[in-house]
Amino acid sequence: MTIKKVQNGWRVDLRPHGRYGKRVRKTLKTQAQARRFEQHVLAKAAQGEVFQAPKRDKRRLLDLVELWYQHHGQTLKSSRDRVRSLRKLADALGNPLAEAFTAQDWTEYRTRRLKEVKASTVNHEHAYLKAMFSELERLDLWHKGNPLARMRMVRTEETEMAFLDDSQVRLLLDHLKRQPRRDCYYVTLLCLSTGARWSEAQYLRAENVGKDRVTFVGTKSGKARTVPIDPRLAGELRRRRKIGRLFAGSYKAFGQAIQETGIELPDGQLTHVLRHTFASHFMMNGGNILVLQRILGHQSITMTMRYSHFAPDHLEDAARLNPVVTFMKEC
């Protein structure tokens, strides 16, 4: 009898090539699976093939992280930060055998992790690990499936997007303009004029400033982006230097200026408020959402749509198309 019930399932035990041939044994969960496996082995024997059990993949999660970094991760702009995060994550998960890692393992880790950090942090870890498995599959370096492929991320509340009003913009710029070194002033002015990220503006080079436009390189998306600016601002920037970086690091100076002016910002927001301020005022002044997407360098319109509610026509429609318009007219 080649199939026998055992404590942990159904065992197949046969010699497909005869009494002195190679012995094949395997335990499966159900009798049906055991019968299919038996037929598969016998069919191979009938064709003259010797059944070879697939070798067990002994690679651990950290091994996959290094494989991912070697073949793909190092090409990313944030490669060092990403691989560092993945290594820490693999250690936190206990560095299990990669083929044994399951969605249930991630669920248990996530439950523990949510007691320590914000849900957004856990979602970032989820995204990084899921992307790693997916990329290894695309590169044909992993064939055991993506354990996080069907898992949803933790639902999070949308964070408040603060922006500066006209009086706060003037207050901040006047304060920075009085400082002995004006690097922080010009970086702030550039962010407010173009919607650039602080790092994009701070690392701007003189060679990338034209008569009425600037070109940001080394952006988050990796694509260069050109944005028109006031010719007077362009002239001031060109007079600072003919070649090389225009500004010294001034992130701390900006934080100090925010404190000294008494401007209150939500937790976790500092220089990014300048980007939000540009986008919000752009839409309030009648700007086009698709043009804003190109200016900000968003790859997806979904990100840019966060600012759509600032459009004047959006606000007018709320007053014109609500269900009590007729009733109010009759009052």
Protein backbone atom coordinates (compact mmCIF):
# COMPACT_ATOMS: atom_id res chain seq x y z
CA MET A 1 0.00 0.00 0.00
CA THR A 2 1.64 3.22 -1.16
CA ILE A 3 -0.68 5.68 0.67
CA LYS A 4 -1.11 5.47 4.41
CA LYS A 5 -2.85 7.61 7.03
CA VAL A 6 -0.37 9.01 9.55
CA GLN A 7 -0.62 11.43 12.47
CA ASN A 8 0.01 14.60 10.46
CA GLY A 9 -1.68 13.68 7.15
CA TRP A 10 -1.35 11.07 4.40
CA ARG A 11 2.00 9.53 3.54
CA VAL A 12 2.94 8.43 0.04
CA ASP A 13 5.67 5.73 0.06
CA LEU A 14 6.58 4.04 -3.23
CA ARG A 15 9.37 2.87 -5.52
CA PRO A 16 8.23 3.93 -9.02
CA HIS A 17 11.17 2.20 -10.75
CA GLY A 18 10.79 -1.15 -9.03
CA ARG A 19 11.97 -2.87 -5.89
CA TYR A 20 15.56 -1.69 -6.22
CA GLY A 21 14.77 1.76 -7.56
CA LYS A 22 14.80 5.08 -5.75
CA ARG A 23 12.31 5.35 -2.91
CA VAL A 24 9.95 8.37 -2.87
CA ARG A 25 8.23 9.43 0.33
CA LYS A 26 6.13 12.47 1.08
CA THR A 27 3.42 13.42 3.59
CA LEU A 28 0.50 15.59 2.43
CA LYS A 29 -2.48 17.07 4.24
CA THR A 30 -5.30 15.24 2.42
CA GLN A 31 -5.79 11.86 0.80
CA ALA A 32 -6.72 13.52 -2.49
CA GLN A 33 -3.42 15.41 -2.55
CA ALA A 34 -1.57 12.20 -1.76
CA ARG A 35 -3.25 10.36 -4.66
CA ARG A 36 -2.44 13.22 -7.09
CA PHE A 37 1.18 13.17 -5.99
CA GLU A 38 1.37 9.37 -6.40
CA GLN A 39 -0.03 9.61 -9.94
CA HIS A 40 2.43 12.40 -10.78
CA VAL A 41 5.42 10.31 -9.67
CA LEU A 42 4.21 7.20 -11.52
CA ALA A 43 3.58 9.21 -14.70
CA LYS A 44 7.16 10.50 -14.64
CA ALA A 45 8.44 6.95 -14.11
CA ALA A 46 6.38 5.72 -17.09
CA GLN A 47 8.10 8.37 -19.25
CA GLY A 48 11.51 7.18 -18.07
CA GLU A 49 12.11 10.21 -15.82
CA VAL A 50 13.38 10.04 -12.26
CA PHE A 51 11.36 12.07 -9.78
CA GLN A 52 13.46 14.76 -8.11
CA ALA A 53 12.05 16.42 -5.03
CA PRO A 54 12.47 20.21 -5.24
CA LYS A 55 15.32 21.44 -3.10
CA ARG A 56 14.32 23.40 -0.05
CA ASP A 57 15.07 27.12 -0.30
CA LYS A 58 17.17 27.84 2.79
CA ARG A 59 17.52 31.57 2.17
CA ARG A 60 16.38 33.82 4.99
CA LEU A 61 14.69 37.18 4.81
CA LEU A 62 17.99 39.06 5.15
CA ASP A 63 19.38 37.06 2.23
CA LEU A 64 16.53 38.34 0.06
CA VAL A 65 17.13 41.90 1.25
CA GLU A 66 20.77 41.69 0.12
CA LEU A 67 19.75 40.05 -3.16
CA TRP A 68 17.20 42.83 -3.78
CA TYR A 69 19.77 45.51 -3.00
CA GLN A 70 22.40 43.96 -5.26
CA HIS A 71 20.14 43.64 -8.30
CA HIS A 72 17.76 46.58 -7.85
CA GLY A 73 17.86 48.54 -4.59
CA GLN A 74 21.19 50.23 -5.19
CA THR A 75 19.75 51.94 -8.28
CA LEU A 76 17.19 53.85 -6.19
CA LYS A 77 17.85 57.41 -5.10
CA SER A 78 17.15 56.56 -1.46
CA SER A 79 18.96 53.21 -1.69
CA ARG A 80 20.88 53.48 1.59
CA ASP A 81 17.87 54.47 3.65
CA ARG A 82 15.69 51.81 2.03
CA VAL A 83 18.09 48.91 2.51
CA ARG A 84 18.79 50.05 6.08
CA SER A 85 15.05 49.97 6.81
CA LEU A 86 14.65 46.52 5.24
CA ARG A 87 17.57 45.10 7.21
CA LYS A 88 16.14 46.42 10.49
CA LEU A 89 12.73 45.04 9.52
CA ALA A 90 14.13 41.58 8.75
CA ASP A 91 15.85 41.53 12.15
CA ALA A 92 12.67 42.67 13.91
CA LEU A 93 10.78 39.82 12.23
CA GLY A 94 13.35 37.32 13.53
CA ASN A 95 14.98 36.80 10.11
CA PRO A 96 12.81 33.74 9.28
CA LEU A 97 13.26 31.37 6.38
CA ALA A 98 11.95 33.40 3.46
CA GLU A 99 9.76 30.62 2.07
CA ALA A 100 8.22 30.09 5.51
CA PHE A 101 7.33 33.77 6.01
CA THR A 102 3.55 34.24 5.78
CA ALA A 103 0.91 36.94 5.92
CA GLN A 104 0.05 35.70 9.41
CA ASP A 105 3.63 36.38 10.53
CA TRP A 106 3.33 39.92 9.26
CA THR A 107 -0.05 40.39 10.96
CA GLU A 108 1.39 39.37 14.32
CA TYR A 109 4.40 41.67 13.87
CA ARG A 110 2.14 44.56 12.82
CA THR A 111 -0.02 44.14 15.93
CA ARG A 112 3.04 44.43 18.17
CA ARG A 113 4.54 47.26 16.14
CA LEU A 114 1.41 49.43 16.27
CA LYS A 115 1.88 49.68 20.04
CA GLU A 116 5.25 51.34 19.45
CA VAL A 117 4.94 53.55 16.36
CA LYS A 118 2.39 55.34 14.19
CA ALA A 119 0.29 53.43 11.66
CA SER A 120 1.96 55.37 8.84
CA THR A 121 5.36 53.97 9.88
CA VAL A 122 4.00 50.40 9.78
CA ASN A 123 2.48 51.10 6.35
CA HIS A 124 5.88 52.26 5.07
CA GLU A 125 7.46 49.03 6.29
CA HIS A 126 4.64 47.06 4.65
CA ALA A 127 5.17 48.86 1.35
CA TYR A 128 8.95 48.35 1.41
CA LEU A 129 8.72 44.60 2.11
CA LYS A 130 5.94 44.03 -0.40
CA ALA A 131 7.87 45.91 -3.09
CA MET A 132 10.99 43.86 -2.37
CA PHE A 133 9.19 40.54 -2.94
CA SER A 134 7.50 41.90 -6.08
CA GLU A 135 10.76 43.13 -7.59
CA LEU A 136 12.53 39.83 -6.91
CA GLU A 137 9.64 38.04 -8.65
CA ARG A 138 9.96 40.35 -11.67
CA LEU A 139 13.70 39.66 -11.79
CA ASP A 140 13.00 35.89 -11.66
CA LEU A 141 15.01 35.61 -8.44
CA TRP A 142 12.10 34.49 -6.24
CA HIS A 143 9.43 31.90 -7.08
CA LYS A 144 7.57 31.36 -3.81
CA GLY A 145 5.05 34.17 -4.18
CA ASN A 146 4.61 37.47 -2.36
CA PRO A 147 3.27 36.86 1.16
CA LEU A 148 1.98 40.46 1.38
CA ALA A 149 0.38 40.57 -2.07
CA ARG A 150 -3.21 40.45 -0.78
CA MET A 151 -2.74 42.22 2.53
CA ARG A 152 -4.23 45.67 3.08
CA MET A 153 -2.37 48.43 4.82
CA VAL A 154 -3.61 49.92 8.06
CA ARG A 155 -6.21 52.62 7.51
CA THR A 156 -4.91 56.02 8.60
CA GLU A 157 -6.49 59.43 8.95
CA GLU A 158 -5.38 62.02 6.43
CA THR A 159 -2.90 64.37 8.05
CA GLU A 160 -3.65 68.07 8.29
CA MET A 161 -2.03 70.06 5.48
CA ALA A 162 -1.20 73.45 6.95
CA PHE A 163 -0.39 76.40 4.72
CA LEU A 164 0.58 80.00 5.41
CA ASP A 165 -1.81 82.85 4.68
CA ASP A 166 -0.65 86.12 3.08
CA SER A 167 0.11 87.82 6.39
CA GLN A 168 2.18 84.86 7.64
CA VAL A 169 4.13 84.69 4.36
CA ARG A 170 5.00 88.40 4.67
CA LEU A 171 5.88 88.04 8.36
CA LEU A 172 8.20 85.10 7.68
CA LEU A 173 9.94 86.68 4.68
CA ASP A 174 10.44 90.01 6.44
CA HIS A 175 11.98 88.20 9.41
CA LEU A 176 14.34 86.14 7.25
CA LYS A 177 15.34 89.13 5.13
CA ARG A 178 16.73 90.86 8.22
CA GLN A 179 19.09 87.97 9.00
CA PRO A 180 22.85 88.53 8.41
CA ARG A 181 23.02 85.57 5.99
CA ARG A 182 20.23 85.42 3.48
CA ASP A 183 20.57 81.79 2.40
CA CYS A 184 17.47 80.78 4.36
CA TYR A 185 15.56 83.77 2.97
CA TYR A 186 16.28 82.86 -0.65
CA VAL A 187 15.61 79.14 -0.16
CA THR A 188 12.26 79.99 1.47
CA LEU A 189 11.42 82.48 -1.29
CA LEU A 190 12.28 79.88 -3.92
CA CYS A 191 10.07 77.23 -2.30
CA LEU A 192 7.16 79.67 -2.08
CA SER A 193 7.67 80.72 -5.71
CA THR A 194 7.94 77.25 -7.25
CA GLY A 195 6.48 74.67 -4.83
CA ALA A 196 9.90 73.02 -4.65
CA ARG A 197 10.82 70.74 -1.78
CA TRP A 198 13.31 72.27 0.63
CA SER A 199 16.12 69.92 -0.45
CA GLU A 200 15.51 70.73 -4.14
CA ALA A 201 15.80 74.47 -3.51
CA GLN A 202 18.67 74.25 -1.01
CA TYR A 203 20.86 72.24 -3.42
CA LEU A 204 20.10 74.41 -6.45
CA ARG A 205 23.16 75.24 -8.55
CA ALA A 206 23.85 78.50 -10.34
CA GLU A 207 24.05 76.66 -13.67
CA ASN A 208 20.36 75.73 -13.32
CA VAL A 209 19.07 79.28 -13.01
CA GLY A 210 17.89 80.93 -16.23
CA LYS A 211 16.62 84.45 -16.93
CA ASP A 212 13.10 83.59 -15.82
CA ARG A 213 13.10 79.95 -14.73
CA VAL A 214 14.92 77.41 -12.60
CA THR A 215 15.55 73.71 -13.21
CA PHE A 216 15.56 71.33 -10.26
CA VAL A 217 17.61 68.16 -10.65
CA GLY A 218 18.07 65.27 -8.25
CA THR A 219 14.36 65.40 -7.44
CA LYS A 220 12.42 62.78 -5.50
CA SER A 221 11.11 61.23 -8.74
CA GLY A 222 14.56 61.36 -10.36
CA LYS A 223 13.28 63.58 -13.18
CA ALA A 224 14.47 67.14 -13.79
CA ARG A 225 11.74 69.79 -13.43
CA THR A 226 11.74 73.34 -14.83
CA VAL A 227 9.54 76.01 -13.26
CA PRO A 228 9.19 79.69 -14.31
CA ILE A 229 10.04 82.33 -11.69
CA ASP A 230 9.96 86.12 -11.46
CA PRO A 231 12.86 87.57 -13.56
CA ARG A 232 13.85 89.80 -10.62
CA LEU A 233 14.29 86.77 -8.36
CA ALA A 234 16.24 84.99 -11.10
CA GLY A 235 18.52 88.00 -11.39
CA GLU A 236 19.19 88.08 -7.64
CA LEU A 237 20.02 84.37 -7.67
CA ARG A 238 22.40 84.70 -10.62
CA ARG A 239 24.24 87.54 -8.90
CA ARG A 240 25.00 85.33 -5.88
CA ARG A 241 27.29 82.98 -7.81
CA LYS A 242 28.19 82.04 -11.37
CA ILE A 243 28.82 78.34 -10.76
CA GLY A 244 28.21 75.76 -8.04
CA ARG A 245 25.71 75.58 -5.18
CA LEU A 246 23.92 78.83 -4.42
CA PHE A 247 23.08 78.23 -0.77
CA ALA A 248 24.51 76.77 2.41
CA GLY A 249 22.40 74.45 4.58
CA SER A 250 19.77 76.45 6.43
CA TYR A 251 17.17 73.97 7.65
CA LYS A 252 17.81 74.77 11.33
CA ALA A 253 17.65 78.50 10.59
CA PHE A 254 14.19 78.04 9.11
CA GLY A 255 12.96 76.15 12.19
CA GLN A 256 14.31 78.91 14.41
CA ALA A 257 12.55 81.55 12.28
CA ILE A 258 9.23 79.73 12.64
CA GLN A 259 9.63 79.78 16.41
CA GLU A 260 10.68 83.43 16.54
CA THR A 261 7.75 84.57 14.39
CA GLY A 262 5.26 82.57 16.48
CA ILE A 263 3.87 80.69 13.48
CA GLU A 264 2.26 77.44 14.67
CA LEU A 265 2.48 74.34 12.48
CA PRO A 266 1.11 70.79 12.93
CA ASP A 267 3.47 68.17 14.36
CA GLY A 268 5.77 66.72 11.74
CA GLN A 269 5.52 69.69 9.38
CA LEU A 270 8.19 72.31 8.97
CA THR A 271 9.73 73.22 5.61
CA HIS A 272 7.07 71.20 3.75
CA VAL A 273 4.54 73.88 4.72
CA LEU A 274 6.12 76.04 2.01
CA ARG A 275 5.24 73.49 -0.68
CA HIS A 276 1.68 73.24 0.67
CA THR A 277 1.46 77.03 0.74
CA PHE A 278 2.46 77.35 -2.91
CA ALA A 279 -0.01 74.67 -4.03
CA SER A 280 -2.89 76.02 -1.93
CA HIS A 281 -2.48 79.62 -3.13
CA PHE A 282 -1.99 78.42 -6.72
CA MET A 283 -5.41 76.73 -6.66
CA MET A 284 -7.13 79.54 -4.72
CA ASN A 285 -5.94 81.98 -7.38
CA GLY A 286 -7.54 79.94 -10.16
CA GLY A 287 -4.68 77.65 -11.19
CA ASN A 288 -5.22 74.47 -13.20
CA ILE A 289 -4.86 71.19 -11.31
CA LEU A 290 -3.00 69.49 -14.20
CA VAL A 291 -0.54 72.37 -14.44
CA LEU A 292 -0.01 72.12 -10.67
CA GLN A 293 0.77 68.42 -11.05
CA ARG A 294 3.56 69.22 -13.52
CA ILE A 295 4.94 72.04 -11.36
CA LEU A 296 5.07 69.89 -8.22
CA GLY A 297 6.42 66.88 -10.12
CA HIS A 298 3.78 64.46 -8.87
CA GLN A 299 3.79 61.21 -10.82
CA SER A 300 0.13 60.61 -9.98
CA ILE A 301 -2.71 63.14 -10.14
CA THR A 302 -4.06 61.57 -6.95
CA MET A 303 -1.42 63.38 -4.90
CA THR A 304 -2.21 66.71 -6.52
CA MET A 305 -5.96 66.30 -6.03
CA ARG A 306 -5.45 67.00 -2.33
CA TYR A 307 -5.36 70.67 -3.29
CA SER A 308 -8.39 70.67 -5.60
CA HIS A 309 -10.78 71.86 -2.89
CA PHE A 310 -8.96 75.22 -2.82
CA ALA A 311 -10.12 76.05 -6.36
CA PRO A 312 -12.59 79.00 -6.41
CA ASP A 313 -15.05 77.20 -8.70
CA HIS A 314 -15.03 74.26 -6.25
CA LEU A 315 -16.15 76.59 -3.46
CA GLU A 316 -18.70 78.34 -5.66
CA ASP A 317 -20.25 75.01 -6.65
CA ALA A 318 -20.74 74.19 -2.98
CA ALA A 319 -22.87 77.31 -2.56
CA ARG A 320 -24.67 76.96 -5.90
CA LEU A 321 -25.42 73.25 -6.08
CA ASN A 322 -26.39 72.34 -2.53
CA PRO A 323 -29.89 70.85 -1.87
CA VAL A 324 -31.34 73.88 -0.02
CA VAL A 325 -30.68 76.51 -2.71
CA THR A 326 -34.34 76.65 -3.79
CA PHE A 327 -35.60 76.77 -0.23
CA MET A 328 -33.30 79.70 0.61
CA LYS A 329 -34.51 81.65 -2.41
CA GLU A 330 -38.12 81.28 -1.29
CA CYS A 331 -37.44 82.50 2.25
